[in-house]
Amino acid sequence: MRALLADDLAYATGWDDLQARLSRKGYQLREAGGGLALHDAAGARFCKGSDLGYSYSRLMRRFDAPFPGHRHRYLYHKAH
């Protein structure tokens, strides 16, 4: 899974772009506790975002924003 999504995770320019890239391959990120998890189109969870090599905090720093709608928005301020 990591190899399949490596370019999408590496080259996405923001949350919307990342979700669009993942969607084209049948996946999406969803909030999971204090982080994110990868799900397929049917809603089945595959793995944590960090298992793909990109933790939620790393993506927040890169995109300079928390994941849209994430309940733990305070994590954004801790990541800076």
Protein backbone atom coordinates (compact mmCIF):
# COMPACT_ATOMS: atom_id res chain seq x y z
CA MET A 1 0.00 0.00 0.00
CA ARG A 2 2.85 2.32 0.87
CA ALA A 3 4.41 1.96 -2.60
CA LEU A 4 1.04 2.33 -4.37
CA LEU A 5 0.33 5.67 -2.69
CA ALA A 6 3.89 6.99 -2.29
CA ASP A 7 3.73 9.56 -5.11
CA ASP A 8 0.28 10.77 -4.07
CA LEU A 9 1.44 11.35 -0.50
CA ALA A 10 4.73 12.91 -1.59
CA TYR A 11 3.39 15.31 -4.23
CA ALA A 12 0.00 16.38 -2.91
CA THR A 13 -0.16 20.14 -2.44
CA GLY A 14 -2.87 20.20 0.22
CA TRP A 15 -5.62 18.18 1.88
CA ASP A 16 -8.05 18.51 -1.04
CA ASP A 17 -5.39 17.51 -3.55
CA LEU A 18 -4.37 14.53 -1.42
CA GLN A 19 -7.96 13.34 -1.01
CA ALA A 20 -8.55 13.71 -4.78
CA ARG A 21 -5.41 11.71 -5.57
CA LEU A 22 -6.36 8.96 -3.13
CA SER A 23 -9.96 8.93 -4.38
CA ARG A 24 -8.81 8.23 -7.94
CA LYS A 25 -7.29 5.02 -6.57
CA GLY A 26 -10.34 4.14 -4.47
CA TYR A 27 -9.13 5.36 -1.07
CA GLN A 28 -9.65 8.20 1.35
CA LEU A 29 -8.25 9.48 4.61
CA ARG A 30 -10.55 9.76 7.60
CA GLU A 31 -10.09 10.99 11.13
CA ALA A 32 -9.03 8.24 13.53
CA GLY A 33 -8.53 9.34 17.11
CA GLY A 34 -5.70 11.84 17.15
CA GLY A 35 -4.58 10.99 13.63
CA LEU A 36 -5.77 9.67 10.29
CA ALA A 37 -6.53 6.27 8.80
CA LEU A 38 -6.73 5.09 5.21
CA HIS A 39 -10.07 3.60 4.12
CA ASP A 40 -11.33 2.10 0.88
CA ALA A 41 -14.42 3.36 -0.95
CA ALA A 42 -16.64 0.92 0.98
CA GLY A 43 -15.37 2.33 4.29
CA ALA A 44 -13.10 -0.54 5.30
CA ARG A 45 -10.06 0.64 7.24
CA PHE A 46 -6.70 -0.44 5.86
CA CYS A 47 -4.11 1.23 8.07
CA LYS A 48 -3.08 4.31 9.99
CA GLY A 49 -1.73 7.20 7.98
CA SER A 50 1.57 6.90 9.83
CA ASP A 51 1.89 3.32 8.54
CA LEU A 52 2.16 4.88 5.08
CA GLY A 53 5.12 6.95 6.22
CA TYR A 54 3.20 10.19 6.75
CA SER A 55 2.01 10.97 10.24
CA TYR A 56 -0.84 13.40 10.77
CA SER A 57 1.51 15.94 12.36
CA ARG A 58 3.89 15.74 9.41
CA LEU A 59 1.07 16.34 6.92
CA MET A 60 -0.32 19.21 9.01
CA ARG A 61 3.07 20.93 8.99
CA ARG A 62 3.47 20.40 5.27
CA PHE A 63 -0.02 21.61 4.34
CA ASP A 64 0.02 24.27 7.07
CA ALA A 65 -3.49 23.27 8.15
CA PRO A 66 -5.29 20.58 10.14
CA PHE A 67 -7.26 17.89 8.33
CA PRO A 68 -10.66 19.37 7.38
CA GLY A 69 -13.22 18.64 10.08
CA HIS A 70 -10.74 16.89 12.40
CA ARG A 71 -12.00 17.15 15.99
CA HIS A 72 -8.50 17.45 17.43
CA ARG A 73 -7.63 20.80 15.88
CA TYR A 74 -5.38 21.63 18.83
CA LEU A 75 -2.87 19.15 17.38
CA TYR A 76 -2.23 21.64 14.58
CA HIS A 77 -0.89 24.18 17.06
CA LYS A 78 1.28 21.52 18.74
CA ALA A 79 2.77 20.59 15.35
CA HIS A 80 4.12 24.11 14.87
